[in-house]
Amino acid sequence: MKAIKIIVEKHSDGYIAYPLGIKGIVVGEGDTYEEALADVKSAIRCHIEVFGQEVVEQDSPVLEAFVTEAEVIV
């Protein structure tokens, strides 16, 4: 078992979740936070099963993840 950092985004039509430190594209979704988290965990297990343990970065460079907002002139 390995702890994997997961980003969960809330949108107007539900939640999207994706892991950090996994090679490839893995996404989960759901109507609730819990559903999206369960879905992405299932997708991670499937991704590892199909592509092998090599897709999991052993020493992920991500120590923490933050959400911030900044104004940008466009």
PDB file of N, CA and C in Angstrom:
ATOM      1  N   MET A   1       0.849  -1.182   0.000  1.00  0.00           N
ATOM      2  CA  MET A   1       0.000   0.000   0.000  1.00  0.00           C
ATOM      3  C   MET A   1       0.890   1.240   0.000  1.00  0.00           C
ATOM      4  N   LYS A   2       0.494   2.226  -0.771  1.00  0.00           N
ATOM      5  CA  LYS A   2       1.260   3.468  -0.885  1.00  0.00           C
ATOM      6  C   LYS A   2       0.293   4.641  -0.830  1.00  0.00           C
ATOM      7  N   ALA A   3       0.652   5.663  -0.086  1.00  0.00           N
ATOM      8  CA  ALA A   3      -0.161   6.877  -0.044  1.00  0.00           C
ATOM      9  C   ALA A   3       0.096   7.688  -1.301  1.00  0.00           C
ATOM     10  N   ILE A   4      -0.956   8.076  -1.979  1.00  0.00           N
ATOM     11  CA  ILE A   4      -0.853   8.848  -3.218  1.00  0.00           C
ATOM     12  C   ILE A   4      -1.641  10.136  -3.030  1.00  0.00           C
ATOM     13  N   LYS A   5      -1.032  11.254  -3.380  1.00  0.00           N
ATOM     14  CA  LYS A   5      -1.722  12.543  -3.297  1.00  0.00           C
ATOM     15  C   LYS A   5      -2.727  12.635  -4.437  1.00  0.00           C
ATOM     16  N   ILE A   6      -3.938  13.068  -4.102  1.00  0.00           N
ATOM     17  CA  ILE A   6      -5.014  13.158  -5.087  1.00  0.00           C
ATOM     18  C   ILE A   6      -5.612  14.556  -5.025  1.00  0.00           C
ATOM     19  N   ILE A   7      -5.769  15.164  -6.191  1.00  0.00           N
ATOM     20  CA  ILE A   7      -6.433  16.456  -6.327  1.00  0.00           C
ATOM     21  C   ILE A   7      -7.907  16.177  -6.611  1.00  0.00           C
ATOM     22  N   VAL A   8      -8.795  16.832  -5.875  1.00  0.00           N
ATOM     23  CA  VAL A   8     -10.233  16.716  -6.122  1.00  0.00           C
ATOM     24  C   VAL A   8     -10.756  18.115  -6.407  1.00  0.00           C
ATOM     25  N   GLU A   9     -11.378  18.283  -7.558  1.00  0.00           N
ATOM     26  CA  GLU A   9     -11.932  19.574  -7.961  1.00  0.00           C
ATOM     27  C   GLU A   9     -13.455  19.512  -7.933  1.00  0.00           C
ATOM     28  N   LYS A  10     -14.070  20.555  -7.400  1.00  0.00           N
ATOM     29  CA  LYS A  10     -15.526  20.648  -7.401  1.00  0.00           C
ATOM     30  C   LYS A  10     -15.945  21.526  -8.580  1.00  0.00           C
ATOM     31  N   HIS A  11     -16.843  21.000  -9.400  1.00  0.00           N
ATOM     32  CA  HIS A  11     -17.392  21.728 -10.540  1.00  0.00           C
ATOM     33  C   HIS A  11     -18.901  21.838 -10.364  1.00  0.00           C
ATOM     34  N   SER A  12     -19.539  22.616 -11.188  1.00  0.00           N
ATOM     35  CA  SER A  12     -20.989  22.809 -11.060  1.00  0.00           C
ATOM     36  C   SER A  12     -21.772  21.519 -11.285  1.00  0.00           C
ATOM     37  N   ASP A  13     -21.205  20.583 -12.030  1.00  0.00           N
ATOM     38  CA  ASP A  13     -21.914  19.338 -12.327  1.00  0.00           C
ATOM     39  C   ASP A  13     -21.328  18.117 -11.615  1.00  0.00           C
ATOM     40  N   GLY A  14     -20.450  18.328 -10.625  1.00  0.00           N
ATOM     41  CA  GLY A  14     -19.900  17.196  -9.892  1.00  0.00           C
ATOM     42  C   GLY A  14     -18.440  17.405  -9.532  1.00  0.00           C
ATOM     43  N   TYR A  15     -17.758  16.320  -9.259  1.00  0.00           N
ATOM     44  CA  TYR A  15     -16.372  16.358  -8.815  1.00  0.00           C
ATOM     45  C   TYR A  15     -15.481  15.571  -9.771  1.00  0.00           C
ATOM     46  N   ILE A  16     -14.254  16.044  -9.929  1.00  0.00           N
ATOM     47  CA  ILE A  16     -13.220  15.383 -10.728  1.00  0.00           C
ATOM     48  C   ILE A  16     -12.041  15.153  -9.797  1.00  0.00           C
ATOM     49  N   ALA A  17     -11.418  13.979  -9.898  1.00  0.00           N
ATOM     50  CA  ALA A  17     -10.266  13.670  -9.052  1.00  0.00           C
ATOM     51  C   ALA A  17      -9.156  13.066  -9.905  1.00  0.00           C
ATOM     52  N   TYR A  18      -7.918  13.441  -9.607  1.00  0.00           N
ATOM     53  CA  TYR A  18      -6.780  12.857 -10.315  1.00  0.00           C
ATOM     54  C   TYR A  18      -5.570  12.807  -9.393  1.00  0.00           C
ATOM     55  N   PRO A  19      -4.747  11.773  -9.564  1.00  0.00           N
ATOM     56  CA  PRO A  19      -3.603  11.586  -8.676  1.00  0.00           C
ATOM     57  C   PRO A  19      -2.369  12.343  -9.158  1.00  0.00           C
ATOM     58  N   LEU A  20      -1.480  12.615  -8.223  1.00  0.00           N
ATOM     59  CA  LEU A  20      -0.158  13.149  -8.525  1.00  0.00           C
ATOM     60  C   LEU A  20       0.832  12.001  -8.349  1.00  0.00           C
ATOM     61  N   GLY A  21       1.879  11.987  -9.151  1.00  0.00           N
ATOM     62  CA  GLY A  21       2.902  10.962  -8.998  1.00  0.00           C
ATOM     63  C   GLY A  21       2.592   9.653  -9.683  1.00  0.00           C
ATOM     64  N   ILE A  22       1.661   9.664 -10.631  1.00  0.00           N
ATOM     65  CA  ILE A  22       1.333   8.479 -11.421  1.00  0.00           C
ATOM     66  C   ILE A  22       1.635   8.804 -12.878  1.00  0.00           C
ATOM     67  N   LYS A  23       2.407   7.962 -13.540  1.00  0.00           N
ATOM     68  CA  LYS A  23       2.697   8.178 -14.952  1.00  0.00           C
ATOM     69  C   LYS A  23       1.482   7.759 -15.769  1.00  0.00           C
ATOM     70  N   GLY A  24       1.069   8.616 -16.685  1.00  0.00           N
ATOM     71  CA  GLY A  24      -0.107   8.349 -17.493  1.00  0.00           C
ATOM     72  C   GLY A  24      -1.268   9.202 -17.015  1.00  0.00           C
ATOM     73  N   ILE A  25      -2.421   8.960 -17.608  1.00  0.00           N
ATOM     74  CA  ILE A  25      -3.599   9.756 -17.281  1.00  0.00           C
ATOM     75  C   ILE A  25      -4.578   8.888 -16.506  1.00  0.00           C
ATOM     76  N   VAL A  26      -4.902   9.333 -15.306  1.00  0.00           N
ATOM     77  CA  VAL A  26      -5.862   8.635 -14.453  1.00  0.00           C
ATOM     78  C   VAL A  26      -6.811   9.690 -13.901  1.00  0.00           C
ATOM     79  N   VAL A  27      -8.109   9.486 -14.111  1.00  0.00           N
ATOM     80  CA  VAL A  27      -9.102  10.458 -13.661  1.00  0.00           C
ATOM     81  C   VAL A  27     -10.298   9.705 -13.085  1.00  0.00           C
ATOM     82  N   GLY A  28     -10.876  10.282 -12.041  1.00  0.00           N
ATOM     83  CA  GLY A  28     -12.113   9.756 -11.480  1.00  0.00           C
ATOM     84  C   GLY A  28     -13.140  10.875 -11.446  1.00  0.00           C
ATOM     85  N   GLU A  29     -14.419  10.514 -11.378  1.00  0.00           N
ATOM     86  CA  GLU A  29     -15.456  11.528 -11.307  1.00  0.00           C
ATOM     87  C   GLU A  29     -16.609  11.004 -10.492  1.00  0.00           C
ATOM     88  N   GLY A  30     -17.433  11.938 -10.020  1.00  0.00           N
ATOM     89  CA  GLY A  30     -18.607  11.543  -9.255  1.00  0.00           C
ATOM     90  C   GLY A  30     -19.471  12.738  -8.928  1.00  0.00           C
ATOM     91  N   ASP A  31     -20.669  12.450  -8.481  1.00  0.00           N
ATOM     92  CA  ASP A  31     -21.587  13.512  -8.085  1.00  0.00           C
ATOM     93  C   ASP A  31     -21.186  14.114  -6.735  1.00  0.00           C
ATOM     94  N   THR A  32     -20.443  13.337  -5.930  1.00  0.00           N
ATOM     95  CA  THR A  32     -19.987  13.806  -4.622  1.00  0.00           C
ATOM     96  C   THR A  32     -18.476  13.653  -4.520  1.00  0.00           C
ATOM     97  N   TYR A  33     -17.915  14.308  -3.526  1.00  0.00           N
ATOM     98  CA  TYR A  33     -16.479  14.189  -3.243  1.00  0.00           C
ATOM     99  C   TYR A  33     -16.116  12.717  -3.025  1.00  0.00           C
ATOM    100  N   GLU A  34     -16.907  12.031  -2.213  1.00  0.00           N
ATOM    101  CA  GLU A  34     -16.644  10.635  -1.880  1.00  0.00           C
ATOM    102  C   GLU A  34     -16.706   9.738  -3.108  1.00  0.00           C
ATOM    103  N   GLU A  35     -17.681   9.979  -3.991  1.00  0.00           N
ATOM    104  CA  GLU A  35     -17.796   9.179  -5.222  1.00  0.00           C
ATOM    105  C   GLU A  35     -16.597   9.396  -6.129  1.00  0.00           C
ATOM    106  N   ALA A  36     -16.159  10.635  -6.273  1.00  0.00           N
ATOM    107  CA  ALA A  36     -15.003  10.930  -7.124  1.00  0.00           C
ATOM    108  C   ALA A  36     -13.741  10.298  -6.548  1.00  0.00           C
ATOM    109  N   LEU A  37     -13.580  10.352  -5.237  1.00  0.00           N
ATOM    110  CA  LEU A  37     -12.412   9.754  -4.601  1.00  0.00           C
ATOM    111  C   LEU A  37     -12.415   8.238  -4.766  1.00  0.00           C
ATOM    112  N   ALA A  38     -13.557   7.612  -4.564  1.00  0.00           N
ATOM    113  CA  ALA A  38     -13.658   6.162  -4.756  1.00  0.00           C
ATOM    114  C   ALA A  38     -13.381   5.785  -6.209  1.00  0.00           C
ATOM    115  N   ASP A  39     -13.895   6.586  -7.145  1.00  0.00           N
ATOM    116  CA  ASP A  39     -13.707   6.306  -8.562  1.00  0.00           C
ATOM    117  C   ASP A  39     -12.237   6.425  -8.964  1.00  0.00           C
ATOM    118  N   VAL A  40     -11.545   7.455  -8.487  1.00  0.00           N
ATOM    119  CA  VAL A  40     -10.139   7.615  -8.862  1.00  0.00           C
ATOM    120  C   VAL A  40      -9.282   6.538  -8.204  1.00  0.00           C
ATOM    121  N   LYS A  41      -9.617   6.118  -6.985  1.00  0.00           N
ATOM    122  CA  LYS A  41      -8.866   5.038  -6.350  1.00  0.00           C
ATOM    123  C   LYS A  41      -9.008   3.750  -7.155  1.00  0.00           C
ATOM    124  N   SER A  42     -10.204   3.483  -7.636  1.00  0.00           N
ATOM    125  CA  SER A  42     -10.431   2.314  -8.481  1.00  0.00           C
ATOM    126  C   SER A  42      -9.652   2.435  -9.795  1.00  0.00           C
ATOM    127  N   ALA A  43      -9.657   3.635 -10.383  1.00  0.00           N
ATOM    128  CA  ALA A  43      -8.922   3.867 -11.631  1.00  0.00           C
ATOM    129  C   ALA A  43      -7.414   3.702 -11.428  1.00  0.00           C
ATOM    130  N   ILE A  44      -6.897   4.140 -10.282  1.00  0.00           N
ATOM    131  CA  ILE A  44      -5.470   3.980  -9.983  1.00  0.00           C
ATOM    132  C   ILE A  44      -5.125   2.503  -9.894  1.00  0.00           C
ATOM    133  N   ARG A  45      -5.932   1.727  -9.166  1.00  0.00           N
ATOM    134  CA  ARG A  45      -5.677   0.286  -9.046  1.00  0.00           C
ATOM    135  C   ARG A  45      -5.680  -0.386 -10.415  1.00  0.00           C
ATOM    136  N   CYS A  46      -6.644  -0.031 -11.258  1.00  0.00           N
ATOM    137  CA  CYS A  46      -6.730  -0.596 -12.612  1.00  0.00           C
ATOM    138  C   CYS A  46      -5.519  -0.201 -13.445  1.00  0.00           C
ATOM    139  N   HIS A  47      -5.122   1.059 -13.354  1.00  0.00           N
ATOM    140  CA  HIS A  47      -3.973   1.572 -14.115  1.00  0.00           C
ATOM    141  C   HIS A  47      -2.702   0.810 -13.733  1.00  0.00           C
ATOM    142  N   ILE A  48      -2.505   0.590 -12.446  1.00  0.00           N
ATOM    143  CA  ILE A  48      -1.328  -0.144 -11.973  1.00  0.00           C
ATOM    144  C   ILE A  48      -1.401  -1.602 -12.412  1.00  0.00           C
ATOM    145  N   GLU A  49      -2.594  -2.186 -12.357  1.00  0.00           N
ATOM    146  CA  GLU A  49      -2.774  -3.570 -12.777  1.00  0.00           C
ATOM    147  C   GLU A  49      -2.433  -3.756 -14.252  1.00  0.00           C
ATOM    148  N   VAL A  50      -2.838  -2.799 -15.076  1.00  0.00           N
ATOM    149  CA  VAL A  50      -2.609  -2.893 -16.519  1.00  0.00           C
ATOM    150  C   VAL A  50      -1.157  -2.564 -16.891  1.00  0.00           C
ATOM    151  N   PHE A  51      -0.601  -1.487 -16.307  1.00  0.00           N
ATOM    152  CA  PHE A  51       0.705  -1.005 -16.736  1.00  0.00           C
ATOM    153  C   PHE A  51       1.848  -1.356 -15.792  1.00  0.00           C
ATOM    154  N   GLY A  52       1.549  -1.905 -14.624  1.00  0.00           N
ATOM    155  CA  GLY A  52       2.583  -2.333 -13.693  1.00  0.00           C
ATOM    156  C   GLY A  52       2.980  -1.257 -12.695  1.00  0.00           C
ATOM    157  N   GLN A  53       3.726  -1.678 -11.686  1.00  0.00           N
ATOM    158  CA  GLN A  53       4.171  -0.793 -10.610  1.00  0.00           C
ATOM    159  C   GLN A  53       5.060   0.346 -11.095  1.00  0.00           C
ATOM    160  N   GLU A  54       5.624   0.216 -12.299  1.00  0.00           N
ATOM    161  CA  GLU A  54       6.511   1.254 -12.825  1.00  0.00           C
ATOM    162  C   GLU A  54       5.810   2.597 -12.993  1.00  0.00           C
ATOM    163  N   VAL A  55       4.474   2.588 -13.091  1.00  0.00           N
ATOM    164  CA  VAL A  55       3.751   3.848 -13.284  1.00  0.00           C
ATOM    165  C   VAL A  55       3.664   4.684 -12.008  1.00  0.00           C
ATOM    166  N   VAL A  56       3.981   4.066 -10.877  1.00  0.00           N
ATOM    167  CA  VAL A  56       3.950   4.779  -9.600  1.00  0.00           C
ATOM    168  C   VAL A  56       5.353   5.310  -9.327  1.00  0.00           C
ATOM    169  N   GLU A  57       5.464   6.627  -9.283  1.00  0.00           N
ATOM    170  CA  GLU A  57       6.764   7.234  -8.995  1.00  0.00           C
ATOM    171  C   GLU A  57       7.142   6.910  -7.562  1.00  0.00           C
ATOM    172  N   GLN A  58       8.295   6.277  -7.378  1.00  0.00           N
ATOM    173  CA  GLN A  58       8.724   5.860  -6.042  1.00  0.00           C
ATOM    174  C   GLN A  58       8.952   7.045  -5.123  1.00  0.00           C
ATOM    175  N   ASP A  59       9.611   8.047  -5.615  1.00  0.00           N
ATOM    176  CA  ASP A  59       9.867   9.256  -4.839  1.00  0.00           C
ATOM    177  C   ASP A  59       9.245  10.437  -5.570  1.00  0.00           C
ATOM    178  N   SER A  60       7.954  10.610  -5.377  1.00  0.00           N
ATOM    179  CA  SER A  60       7.252  11.688  -6.050  1.00  0.00           C
ATOM    180  C   SER A  60       7.866  13.028  -5.671  1.00  0.00           C
ATOM    181  N   PRO A  61       8.122  13.875  -6.651  1.00  0.00           N
ATOM    182  CA  PRO A  61       8.687  15.184  -6.354  1.00  0.00           C
ATOM    183  C   PRO A  61       7.684  16.115  -5.670  1.00  0.00           C
ATOM    184  N   VAL A  62       6.416  15.725  -5.617  1.00  0.00           N
ATOM    185  CA  VAL A  62       5.388  16.572  -5.007  1.00  0.00           C
ATOM    186  C   VAL A  62       5.352  16.308  -3.502  1.00  0.00           C
ATOM    187  N   LEU A  63       5.740  17.300  -2.726  1.00  0.00           N
ATOM    188  CA  LEU A  63       5.681  17.188  -1.272  1.00  0.00           C
ATOM    189  C   LEU A  63       4.336  17.648  -0.743  1.00  0.00           C
ATOM    190  N   GLU A  64       3.819  18.727  -1.316  1.00  0.00           N
ATOM    191  CA  GLU A  64       2.521  19.272  -0.947  1.00  0.00           C
ATOM    192  C   GLU A  64       1.896  19.881  -2.194  1.00  0.00           C
ATOM    193  N   ALA A  65       0.591  20.058  -2.151  1.00  0.00           N
ATOM    194  CA  ALA A  65      -0.107  20.723  -3.248  1.00  0.00           C
ATOM    195  C   ALA A  65      -0.972  21.825  -2.646  1.00  0.00           C
ATOM    196  N   PHE A  66      -1.018  22.958  -3.310  1.00  0.00           N
ATOM    197  CA  PHE A  66      -1.770  24.107  -2.825  1.00  0.00           C
ATOM    198  C   PHE A  66      -2.706  24.597  -3.918  1.00  0.00           C
ATOM    199  N   VAL A  67      -3.778  25.217  -3.505  1.00  0.00           N
ATOM    200  CA  VAL A  67      -4.666  25.894  -4.439  1.00  0.00           C
ATOM    201  C   VAL A  67      -4.606  27.372  -4.088  1.00  0.00           C
ATOM    202  N   THR A  68      -4.378  28.193  -5.102  1.00  0.00           N
ATOM    203  CA  THR A  68      -4.329  29.623  -4.884  1.00  0.00           C
ATOM    204  C   THR A  68      -4.981  30.329  -6.057  1.00  0.00           C
ATOM    205  N   GLU A  69      -5.169  31.587  -5.932  1.00  0.00           N
ATOM    206  CA  GLU A  69      -5.764  32.382  -7.003  1.00  0.00           C
ATOM    207  C   GLU A  69      -4.908  33.619  -7.189  1.00  0.00           C
ATOM    208  N   ALA A  70      -4.650  33.955  -8.434  1.00  0.00           N
ATOM    209  CA  ALA A  70      -3.839  35.135  -8.733  1.00  0.00           C
ATOM    210  C   ALA A  70      -4.466  35.862  -9.910  1.00  0.00           C
ATOM    211  N   GLU A  71      -4.421  37.175  -9.868  1.00  0.00           N
ATOM    212  CA  GLU A  71      -4.913  37.973 -10.981  1.00  0.00           C
ATOM    213  C   GLU A  71      -3.837  38.070 -12.045  1.00  0.00           C
ATOM    214  N   VAL A  72      -4.234  37.884 -13.284  1.00  0.00           N
ATOM    215  CA  VAL A  72      -3.317  37.931 -14.415  1.00  0.00           C
ATOM    216  C   VAL A  72      -3.906  38.858 -15.459  1.00  0.00           C
ATOM    217  N   ILE A  73      -3.119  39.788 -15.940  1.00  0.00           N
ATOM    218  CA  ILE A  73      -3.578  40.701 -16.980  1.00  0.00           C
ATOM    219  C   ILE A  73      -3.491  39.975 -18.316  1.00  0.00           C
ATOM    220  N   VAL A  74      -4.609  39.948 -19.033  1.00  0.00           N
ATOM    221  CA  VAL A  74      -4.646  39.292 -20.336  1.00  0.00           C
ATOM    222  C   VAL A  74      -5.158  40.217 -21.401  1.00  0.00           C
TER     223      VAL A  74
END
